Amino acid sequence: MTQAAIFVIFPLCLAVAAFSDLFTMTIPNRVSAILLGSFFLVAPLAGLALPMIGMHVVAGLIVFTGCFTLFALNVMGGGDAKLLTAGAVWFGFNNSLFEFLLYVSIFGGLLTLVILLMRKQENAILASGIPVPPLLFTAKKIPYGIAIGLGGFIAYPSSPLMQAALAQLH
């Protein structure tokens, strides 16, 4: 049961957040709340010791500090900051967190370039009939939840929780 939760909760929350951000330019608070709350339920069941859980919280606090700063400077949206913080808690303070943040940065940069190029070609895209969510053209922001989701999908197998779940399968 614990392994199933580890295999499903994190990726499902990221997928919901990414699709919600794509179509509505918002990430529901409940997604980040579910991620954070479920971590505290799943981590002890997965065998993470209390000091290790504490390091996961430290990772979340460090990421939150950076995200809050970017939010205060109007560089990052609040939903993105909450999702990235909750995601960081699932990784902990280790190499997998840095991998996660690196992938999010790479996908975020690529996503930004693609959307900016799309906005320049709006008329051609609309004339071609390609189904594109209208907010990608009209909103001034970038749906960074997509980048967070993609980065999380790629980095998650190296996270301590996923490693613990995979070890229990053998």
N, C-alpha and C. Protein backbone atom coordinates (compact mmCIF):
# COMPACT_ATOMS: atom_id res chain seq x y z
N MET A 1 0.82 -1.20 0.00
CA MET A 1 0.00 0.00 0.00
C MET A 1 0.86 1.27 0.00
N THR A 2 1.91 1.26 0.81
CA THR A 2 2.79 2.43 0.87
C THR A 2 3.48 2.65 -0.46
N GLN A 3 3.95 1.54 -1.07
CA GLN A 3 4.61 1.68 -2.37
C GLN A 3 3.66 2.27 -3.40
N ALA A 4 2.42 1.80 -3.39
CA ALA A 4 1.44 2.32 -4.35
C ALA A 4 1.25 3.82 -4.15
N ALA A 5 1.17 4.26 -2.90
CA ALA A 5 1.02 5.69 -2.62
C ALA A 5 2.22 6.47 -3.14
N ILE A 6 3.41 5.93 -2.94
CA ILE A 6 4.63 6.60 -3.42
C ILE A 6 4.65 6.66 -4.94
N PHE A 7 4.22 5.58 -5.58
CA PHE A 7 4.23 5.54 -7.04
C PHE A 7 3.16 6.45 -7.66
N VAL A 8 2.08 6.72 -6.92
CA VAL A 8 0.94 7.41 -7.52
C VAL A 8 0.78 8.88 -7.09
N ILE A 9 0.90 9.17 -5.81
CA ILE A 9 0.51 10.50 -5.31
C ILE A 9 1.33 11.62 -5.93
N PHE A 10 2.64 11.53 -5.86
CA PHE A 10 3.49 12.61 -6.37
C PHE A 10 3.28 12.84 -7.86
N PRO A 11 3.38 11.79 -8.70
CA PRO A 11 3.18 12.03 -10.13
C PRO A 11 1.76 12.51 -10.48
N LEU A 12 0.76 11.98 -9.79
CA LEU A 12 -0.61 12.40 -10.08
C LEU A 12 -0.82 13.87 -9.73
N CYS A 13 -0.31 14.29 -8.59
CA CYS A 13 -0.43 15.71 -8.20
C CYS A 13 0.29 16.61 -9.19
N LEU A 14 1.47 16.20 -9.65
CA LEU A 14 2.19 17.00 -10.63
C LEU A 14 1.42 17.10 -11.94
N ALA A 15 0.83 15.99 -12.36
CA ALA A 15 0.06 15.99 -13.60
C ALA A 15 -1.16 16.90 -13.49
N VAL A 16 -1.88 16.83 -12.37
CA VAL A 16 -3.04 17.69 -12.16
C VAL A 16 -2.62 19.15 -12.18
N ALA A 17 -1.53 19.46 -11.49
CA ALA A 17 -1.04 20.84 -11.44
C ALA A 17 -0.64 21.33 -12.83
N ALA A 18 0.06 20.49 -13.59
CA ALA A 18 0.52 20.90 -14.93
C ALA A 18 -0.66 21.15 -15.86
N PHE A 19 -1.64 20.25 -15.87
CA PHE A 19 -2.79 20.44 -16.75
C PHE A 19 -3.64 21.63 -16.32
N SER A 20 -3.79 21.80 -15.02
CA SER A 20 -4.55 22.94 -14.52
C SER A 20 -3.86 24.25 -14.92
N ASP A 21 -2.55 24.30 -14.77
CA ASP A 21 -1.81 25.51 -15.13
C ASP A 21 -1.88 25.77 -16.63
N LEU A 22 -1.85 24.71 -17.44
CA LEU A 22 -1.92 24.87 -18.89
C LEU A 22 -3.25 25.47 -19.31
N PHE A 23 -4.34 24.99 -18.72
CA PHE A 23 -5.66 25.41 -19.19
C PHE A 23 -6.25 26.60 -18.43
N THR A 24 -5.82 26.82 -17.18
CA THR A 24 -6.42 27.91 -16.39
C THR A 24 -5.40 28.92 -15.87
N MET A 25 -4.12 28.64 -16.05
CA MET A 25 -3.04 29.49 -15.53
C MET A 25 -3.09 29.59 -14.00
N THR A 26 -3.64 28.58 -13.37
CA THR A 26 -3.63 28.51 -11.90
C THR A 26 -3.33 27.07 -11.48
N ILE A 27 -2.73 26.95 -10.32
CA ILE A 27 -2.48 25.66 -9.70
C ILE A 27 -3.30 25.63 -8.41
N PRO A 28 -4.25 24.72 -8.32
CA PRO A 28 -5.09 24.70 -7.12
C PRO A 28 -4.27 24.48 -5.84
N ASN A 29 -4.61 25.23 -4.80
CA ASN A 29 -3.90 25.08 -3.52
C ASN A 29 -4.00 23.66 -2.99
N ARG A 30 -5.11 22.98 -3.26
CA ARG A 30 -5.29 21.63 -2.74
C ARG A 30 -4.24 20.66 -3.28
N VAL A 31 -3.72 20.92 -4.45
CA VAL A 31 -2.69 20.02 -5.00
C VAL A 31 -1.43 20.09 -4.14
N SER A 32 -0.98 21.29 -3.83
CA SER A 32 0.20 21.45 -2.98
C SER A 32 -0.07 20.94 -1.57
N ALA A 33 -1.29 21.17 -1.07
CA ALA A 33 -1.65 20.70 0.27
C ALA A 33 -1.66 19.18 0.33
N ILE A 34 -2.19 18.54 -0.71
CA ILE A 34 -2.19 17.07 -0.76
C ILE A 34 -0.77 16.54 -0.82
N LEU A 35 0.07 17.17 -1.64
CA LEU A 35 1.47 16.74 -1.72
C LEU A 35 2.16 16.82 -0.36
N LEU A 36 2.00 17.94 0.30
CA LEU A 36 2.66 18.13 1.59
C LEU A 36 2.10 17.20 2.65
N GLY A 37 0.79 17.15 2.76
CA GLY A 37 0.18 16.29 3.78
C GLY A 37 0.45 14.81 3.56
N SER A 38 0.38 14.38 2.33
CA SER A 38 0.61 12.96 2.06
C SER A 38 2.07 12.56 2.31
N PHE A 39 3.00 13.51 2.12
CA PHE A 39 4.39 13.19 2.44
C PHE A 39 4.51 12.77 3.90
N PHE A 40 3.88 13.53 4.79
CA PHE A 40 3.99 13.24 6.22
C PHE A 40 3.29 11.94 6.61
N LEU A 41 2.36 11.49 5.80
CA LEU A 41 1.73 10.19 6.04
C LEU A 41 2.57 9.05 5.47
N VAL A 42 3.11 9.26 4.29
CA VAL A 42 3.81 8.20 3.57
C VAL A 42 5.25 7.99 4.06
N ALA A 43 5.94 9.07 4.37
CA ALA A 43 7.37 8.97 4.71
C ALA A 43 7.66 8.00 5.86
N PRO A 44 6.98 8.08 6.99
CA PRO A 44 7.27 7.12 8.07
C PRO A 44 6.93 5.68 7.67
N LEU A 45 5.86 5.52 6.91
CA LEU A 45 5.47 4.18 6.46
C LEU A 45 6.47 3.59 5.48
N ALA A 46 7.17 4.47 4.78
CA ALA A 46 8.19 4.03 3.83
C ALA A 46 9.52 3.72 4.51
N GLY A 47 9.60 4.00 5.80
CA GLY A 47 10.82 3.68 6.54
C GLY A 47 11.78 4.84 6.71
N LEU A 48 11.36 6.05 6.36
CA LEU A 48 12.25 7.19 6.57
C LEU A 48 12.27 7.53 8.06
N ALA A 49 13.46 7.62 8.60
CA ALA A 49 13.62 7.96 10.01
C ALA A 49 13.30 9.43 10.24
N LEU A 50 13.00 9.78 11.48
CA LEU A 50 12.64 11.15 11.83
C LEU A 50 13.70 12.18 11.41
N PRO A 51 15.00 11.91 11.61
CA PRO A 51 16.00 12.89 11.13
C PRO A 51 15.96 13.08 9.61
N MET A 52 15.70 12.01 8.90
CA MET A 52 15.61 12.10 7.43
C MET A 52 14.37 12.91 7.03
N ILE A 53 13.26 12.68 7.72
CA ILE A 53 12.05 13.46 7.45
C ILE A 53 12.33 14.93 7.73
N GLY A 54 13.07 15.20 8.79
CA GLY A 54 13.46 16.57 9.10
C GLY A 54 14.27 17.22 7.99
N MET A 55 15.14 16.46 7.37
CA MET A 55 15.94 16.99 6.25
C MET A 55 15.05 17.28 5.03
N HIS A 56 13.99 16.50 4.87
CA HIS A 56 13.04 16.78 3.79
C HIS A 56 12.33 18.11 4.06
N VAL A 57 11.99 18.34 5.32
CA VAL A 57 11.35 19.61 5.69
C VAL A 57 12.32 20.77 5.47
N VAL A 58 13.59 20.57 5.84
CA VAL A 58 14.60 21.60 5.61
C VAL A 58 14.70 21.93 4.12
N ALA A 59 14.67 20.91 3.29
CA ALA A 59 14.72 21.14 1.84
C ALA A 59 13.54 22.00 1.40
N GLY A 60 12.36 21.67 1.92
CA GLY A 60 11.18 22.47 1.58
C GLY A 60 11.30 23.90 2.04
N LEU A 61 11.85 24.10 3.24
CA LEU A 61 12.01 25.46 3.76
C LEU A 61 13.01 26.27 2.94
N ILE A 62 14.07 25.63 2.52
CA ILE A 62 15.07 26.32 1.69
C ILE A 62 14.46 26.72 0.34
N VAL A 63 13.75 25.78 -0.28
CA VAL A 63 13.11 26.09 -1.56
C VAL A 63 12.03 27.15 -1.37
N PHE A 64 11.27 27.05 -0.28
CA PHE A 64 10.24 28.06 0.00
C PHE A 64 10.86 29.45 0.12
N THR A 65 12.00 29.55 0.79
CA THR A 65 12.67 30.85 0.95
C THR A 65 13.01 31.45 -0.41
N GLY A 66 13.59 30.64 -1.28
CA GLY A 66 13.91 31.12 -2.62
C GLY A 66 12.67 31.49 -3.41
N CYS A 67 11.66 30.63 -3.34
CA CYS A 67 10.41 30.90 -4.07
C CYS A 67 9.70 32.13 -3.53
N PHE A 68 9.68 32.29 -2.21
CA PHE A 68 9.03 33.46 -1.62
C PHE A 68 9.71 34.74 -2.10
N THR A 69 11.03 34.70 -2.17
CA THR A 69 11.78 35.86 -2.66
C THR A 69 11.39 36.17 -4.10
N LEU A 70 11.34 35.14 -4.93
CA LEU A 70 10.96 35.34 -6.33
C LEU A 70 9.51 35.81 -6.46
N PHE A 71 8.65 35.30 -5.60
CA PHE A 71 7.25 35.74 -5.58
C PHE A 71 7.16 37.21 -5.19
N ALA A 72 7.91 37.59 -4.16
CA ALA A 72 7.91 38.98 -3.68
C ALA A 72 8.42 39.93 -4.76
N LEU A 73 9.33 39.45 -5.59
CA LEU A 73 9.86 40.27 -6.69
C LEU A 73 8.98 40.19 -7.94
N ASN A 74 7.85 39.49 -7.83
CA ASN A 74 6.91 39.31 -8.93
C ASN A 74 7.52 38.56 -10.11
N VAL A 75 8.43 37.64 -9.81
CA VAL A 75 9.07 36.83 -10.84
C VAL A 75 8.40 35.47 -10.93
N MET A 76 7.82 35.01 -9.84
CA MET A 76 7.23 33.68 -9.78
C MET A 76 5.82 33.79 -9.20
N GLY A 77 4.92 32.98 -9.73
CA GLY A 77 3.55 32.96 -9.22
C GLY A 77 3.45 32.20 -7.90
N GLY A 78 2.43 32.51 -7.15
CA GLY A 78 2.23 31.87 -5.86
C GLY A 78 1.97 30.38 -5.96
N GLY A 79 1.18 29.96 -6.95
CA GLY A 79 0.91 28.54 -7.15
C GLY A 79 2.17 27.77 -7.49
N ASP A 80 3.00 28.37 -8.33
CA ASP A 80 4.27 27.74 -8.70
C ASP A 80 5.16 27.60 -7.47
N ALA A 81 5.21 28.64 -6.65
CA ALA A 81 6.05 28.62 -5.44
C ALA A 81 5.59 27.53 -4.49
N LYS A 82 4.28 27.42 -4.29
CA LYS A 82 3.75 26.39 -3.38
C LYS A 82 4.00 24.99 -3.92
N LEU A 83 3.79 24.80 -5.22
CA LEU A 83 4.01 23.47 -5.82
C LEU A 83 5.48 23.07 -5.76
N LEU A 84 6.37 23.99 -6.08
CA LEU A 84 7.80 23.69 -6.04
C LEU A 84 8.25 23.38 -4.61
N THR A 85 7.72 24.10 -3.64
CA THR A 85 8.05 23.85 -2.24
C THR A 85 7.56 22.47 -1.80
N ALA A 86 6.30 22.16 -2.11
CA ALA A 86 5.76 20.85 -1.73
C ALA A 86 6.51 19.73 -2.44
N GLY A 87 6.87 19.95 -3.69
CA GLY A 87 7.66 18.95 -4.42
C GLY A 87 9.02 18.73 -3.79
N ALA A 88 9.64 19.81 -3.35
CA ALA A 88 10.98 19.72 -2.73
C ALA A 88 10.94 18.86 -1.48
N VAL A 89 9.85 18.91 -0.74
CA VAL A 89 9.73 18.10 0.47
C VAL A 89 9.77 16.61 0.11
N TRP A 90 9.22 16.23 -1.01
CA TRP A 90 9.25 14.83 -1.43
C TRP A 90 10.66 14.38 -1.82
N PHE A 91 11.52 15.32 -2.19
CA PHE A 91 12.89 14.95 -2.59
C PHE A 91 13.85 14.95 -1.40
N GLY A 92 13.72 15.91 -0.51
CA GLY A 92 14.65 16.00 0.61
C GLY A 92 15.90 16.77 0.22
N PHE A 93 16.75 16.96 1.21
CA PHE A 93 17.97 17.75 0.98
C PHE A 93 19.10 16.80 0.57
N ASN A 94 19.16 16.50 -0.71
CA ASN A 94 20.15 15.58 -1.27
C ASN A 94 20.28 15.86 -2.77
N ASN A 95 21.04 15.03 -3.45
CA ASN A 95 21.29 15.26 -4.88
C ASN A 95 20.02 15.22 -5.71
N SER A 96 19.03 14.42 -5.30
CA SER A 96 17.81 14.34 -6.10
C SER A 96 17.07 15.68 -6.11
N LEU A 97 17.17 16.45 -5.03
CA LEU A 97 16.55 17.78 -5.00
C LEU A 97 17.22 18.69 -6.03
N PHE A 98 18.54 18.66 -6.08
CA PHE A 98 19.25 19.50 -7.05
C PHE A 98 18.93 19.06 -8.48
N GLU A 99 18.79 17.76 -8.67
CA GLU A 99 18.39 17.23 -9.97
C GLU A 99 17.00 17.75 -10.35
N PHE A 100 16.07 17.69 -9.40
CA PHE A 100 14.72 18.18 -9.60
C PHE A 100 14.73 19.66 -10.01
N LEU A 101 15.44 20.47 -9.24
CA LEU A 101 15.48 21.90 -9.51
C LEU A 101 16.17 22.21 -10.84
N LEU A 102 17.18 21.43 -11.18
CA LEU A 102 17.86 21.62 -12.47
C LEU A 102 16.91 21.31 -13.63
N TYR A 103 16.21 20.19 -13.54
CA TYR A 103 15.26 19.83 -14.60
C TYR A 103 14.13 20.87 -14.71
N VAL A 104 13.64 21.33 -13.58
CA VAL A 104 12.58 22.35 -13.60
C VAL A 104 13.11 23.61 -14.30
N SER A 105 14.33 23.99 -14.01
CA SER A 105 14.93 25.18 -14.65
C SER A 105 15.06 24.99 -16.16
N ILE A 106 15.54 23.83 -16.55
CA ILE A 106 15.72 23.56 -17.99
C ILE A 106 14.37 23.56 -18.71
N PHE A 107 13.41 22.80 -18.17
CA PHE A 107 12.10 22.75 -18.80
C PHE A 107 11.40 24.11 -18.74
N GLY A 108 11.62 24.85 -17.68
CA GLY A 108 11.03 26.17 -17.56
C GLY A 108 11.56 27.12 -18.62
N GLY A 109 12.85 27.08 -18.86
CA GLY A 109 13.44 27.91 -19.90
C GLY A 109 12.93 27.54 -21.27
N LEU A 110 12.87 26.24 -21.55
CA LEU A 110 12.36 25.79 -22.85
C LEU A 110 10.89 26.15 -23.02
N LEU A 111 10.12 25.94 -21.97
CA LEU A 111 8.69 26.28 -22.02
C LEU A 111 8.49 27.77 -22.30
N THR A 112 9.25 28.59 -21.63
CA THR A 112 9.15 30.04 -21.83
C THR A 112 9.47 30.41 -23.27
N LEU A 113 10.53 29.83 -23.81
CA LEU A 113 10.89 30.13 -25.21
C LEU A 113 9.79 29.69 -26.17
N VAL A 114 9.25 28.49 -25.96
CA VAL A 114 8.20 27.98 -26.84
C VAL A 114 6.96 28.87 -26.78
N ILE A 115 6.56 29.25 -25.59
CA ILE A 115 5.36 30.08 -25.46
C ILE A 115 5.59 31.47 -26.05
N LEU A 116 6.75 32.04 -25.84
CA LEU A 116 7.04 33.34 -26.44
C LEU A 116 7.03 33.26 -27.96
N LEU A 117 7.58 32.17 -28.50
CA LEU A 117 7.55 31.98 -29.96
C LEU A 117 6.11 31.78 -30.45
N MET A 118 5.33 31.04 -29.69
CA MET A 118 3.93 30.83 -30.06
C MET A 118 3.16 32.15 -30.06
N ARG A 119 3.43 32.98 -29.09
CA ARG A 119 2.73 34.27 -29.00
C ARG A 119 3.06 35.16 -30.19
N LYS A 120 4.29 35.04 -30.69
CA LYS A 120 4.68 35.83 -31.87
C LYS A 120 3.97 35.32 -33.12
N GLN A 121 3.64 34.02 -33.13
CA GLN A 121 3.00 33.39 -34.28
C GLN A 121 1.52 33.10 -34.04
N GLU A 122 0.90 33.87 -33.14
CA GLU A 122 -0.49 33.59 -32.74
C GLU A 122 -1.43 33.48 -33.93
N ASN A 123 -1.38 34.43 -34.84
CA ASN A 123 -2.31 34.41 -35.98
C ASN A 123 -2.14 33.16 -36.83
N ALA A 124 -0.91 32.79 -37.10
CA ALA A 124 -0.66 31.60 -37.92
C ALA A 124 -1.13 30.34 -37.20
N ILE A 125 -0.91 30.28 -35.90
CA ILE A 125 -1.33 29.10 -35.14
C ILE A 125 -2.85 29.00 -35.11
N LEU A 126 -3.51 30.11 -34.84
CA LEU A 126 -4.97 30.10 -34.81
C LEU A 126 -5.56 29.79 -36.18
N ALA A 127 -4.96 30.31 -37.23
CA ALA A 127 -5.44 30.05 -38.59
C ALA A 127 -5.26 28.59 -38.99
N SER A 128 -4.23 27.95 -38.45
CA SER A 128 -3.98 26.55 -38.79
C SER A 128 -4.96 25.59 -38.14
N GLY A 129 -5.67 26.07 -37.12
CA GLY A 129 -6.64 25.21 -36.45
C GLY A 129 -6.04 24.32 -35.38
N ILE A 130 -4.78 24.51 -35.07
CA ILE A 130 -4.14 23.72 -34.01
C ILE A 130 -4.81 24.10 -32.69
N PRO A 131 -5.32 23.10 -31.96
CA PRO A 131 -5.99 23.43 -30.69
C PRO A 131 -4.98 23.85 -29.62
N VAL A 132 -5.02 25.11 -29.25
CA VAL A 132 -4.13 25.67 -28.25
C VAL A 132 -4.99 26.38 -27.21
N PRO A 133 -4.74 26.12 -25.92
CA PRO A 133 -5.51 26.84 -24.91
C PRO A 133 -5.36 28.35 -25.09
N PRO A 134 -6.48 29.07 -25.16
CA PRO A 134 -6.42 30.52 -25.45
C PRO A 134 -5.59 31.33 -24.46
N LEU A 135 -5.54 30.89 -23.21
CA LEU A 135 -4.78 31.65 -22.21
C LEU A 135 -3.28 31.69 -22.51
N LEU A 136 -2.79 30.73 -23.30
CA LEU A 136 -1.37 30.78 -23.66
C LEU A 136 -1.05 32.02 -24.47
N PHE A 137 -2.06 32.54 -25.18
CA PHE A 137 -1.86 33.74 -25.98
C PHE A 137 -2.20 35.01 -25.21
N THR A 138 -3.20 34.95 -24.36
CA THR A 138 -3.70 36.17 -23.73
C THR A 138 -3.08 36.47 -22.37
N ALA A 139 -2.69 35.46 -21.63
CA ALA A 139 -2.12 35.69 -20.30
C ALA A 139 -0.70 36.23 -20.43
N LYS A 140 -0.31 37.02 -19.49
CA LYS A 140 1.05 37.59 -19.52
C LYS A 140 2.06 36.66 -18.86
N LYS A 141 1.59 35.63 -18.16
CA LYS A 141 2.51 34.76 -17.44
C LYS A 141 2.72 33.44 -18.18
N ILE A 142 3.66 32.67 -17.66
CA ILE A 142 4.01 31.37 -18.23
C ILE A 142 3.49 30.30 -17.26
N PRO A 143 2.84 29.26 -17.78
CA PRO A 143 2.34 28.19 -16.90
C PRO A 143 3.48 27.27 -16.43
N TYR A 144 4.23 27.77 -15.46
CA TYR A 144 5.44 27.09 -14.99
C TYR A 144 5.15 25.76 -14.30
N GLY A 145 3.87 25.52 -13.95
CA GLY A 145 3.50 24.23 -13.37
C GLY A 145 3.83 23.08 -14.32
N ILE A 146 3.82 23.36 -15.61
CA ILE A 146 4.19 22.34 -16.60
C ILE A 146 5.65 21.96 -16.43
N ALA A 147 6.51 22.95 -16.27
CA ALA A 147 7.94 22.69 -16.09
C ALA A 147 8.21 21.97 -14.77
N ILE A 148 7.48 22.36 -13.73
CA ILE A 148 7.64 21.71 -12.43
C ILE A 148 7.22 20.25 -12.54
N GLY A 149 6.11 20.01 -13.24
CA GLY A 149 5.65 18.64 -13.44
C GLY A 149 6.65 17.80 -14.22
N LEU A 150 7.14 18.33 -15.33
CA LEU A 150 8.11 17.57 -16.14
C LEU A 150 9.40 17.31 -15.36
N GLY A 151 9.89 18.34 -14.67
CA GLY A 151 11.10 18.16 -13.87
C GLY A 151 10.91 17.12 -12.79
N GLY A 152 9.74 17.14 -12.17
CA GLY A 152 9.43 16.15 -11.13
C GLY A 152 9.35 14.74 -11.68
N PHE A 153 8.72 14.58 -12.85
CA PHE A 153 8.62 13.25 -13.45
C PHE A 153 10.00 12.67 -13.74
N ILE A 154 10.89 13.49 -14.25
CA ILE A 154 12.22 13.01 -14.63
C ILE A 154 13.08 12.71 -13.40
N ALA A 155 13.01 13.56 -12.39
CA ALA A 155 13.89 13.41 -11.22
C ALA A 155 13.35 12.45 -10.16
N TYR A 156 12.05 12.21 -10.14
CA TYR A 156 11.44 11.44 -9.06
C TYR A 156 12.04 10.05 -8.84
N PRO A 157 12.42 9.32 -9.87
CA PRO A 157 13.01 7.99 -9.61
C PRO A 157 14.26 8.02 -8.73
N SER A 158 14.95 9.15 -8.68
CA SER A 158 16.17 9.22 -7.85
C SER A 158 15.88 9.72 -6.43
N SER A 159 14.62 10.01 -6.13
CA SER A 159 14.28 10.52 -4.79
C SER A 159 14.35 9.41 -3.75
N PRO A 160 14.63 9.76 -2.50
CA PRO A 160 14.71 8.76 -1.44
C PRO A 160 13.42 7.94 -1.26
N LEU A 161 12.27 8.58 -1.39
CA LEU A 161 11.02 7.83 -1.25
C LEU A 161 10.85 6.81 -2.35
N MET A 162 11.13 7.21 -3.58
CA MET A 162 11.00 6.25 -4.69
C MET A 162 12.03 5.15 -4.56
N GLN A 163 13.24 5.50 -4.14
CA GLN A 163 14.27 4.48 -3.94
C GLN A 163 13.85 3.49 -2.85
N ALA A 164 13.24 3.97 -1.78
CA ALA A 164 12.76 3.09 -0.71
C ALA A 164 11.64 2.19 -1.22
N ALA A 165 10.74 2.75 -2.00
CA ALA A 165 9.63 1.95 -2.54
C ALA A 165 10.14 0.89 -3.49
N LEU A 166 11.09 1.25 -4.33
CA LEU A 166 11.64 0.27 -5.26
C LEU A 166 12.41 -0.83 -4.54
N ALA A 167 13.12 -0.47 -3.46
CA ALA A 167 13.86 -1.48 -2.69
C ALA A 167 12.92 -2.46 -2.03
N GLN A 168 11.74 -2.03 -1.63
CA GLN A 168 10.79 -2.93 -0.98
C GLN A 168 10.13 -3.89 -1.96
N LEU A 169 10.25 -3.61 -3.24
CA LEU A 169 9.68 -4.51 -4.25
C LEU A 169 10.54 -5.74 -4.46
N HIS A 170 11.80 -5.67 -4.12
CA HIS A 170 12.71 -6.79 -4.35
C HIS A 170 12.65 -7.81 -3.25
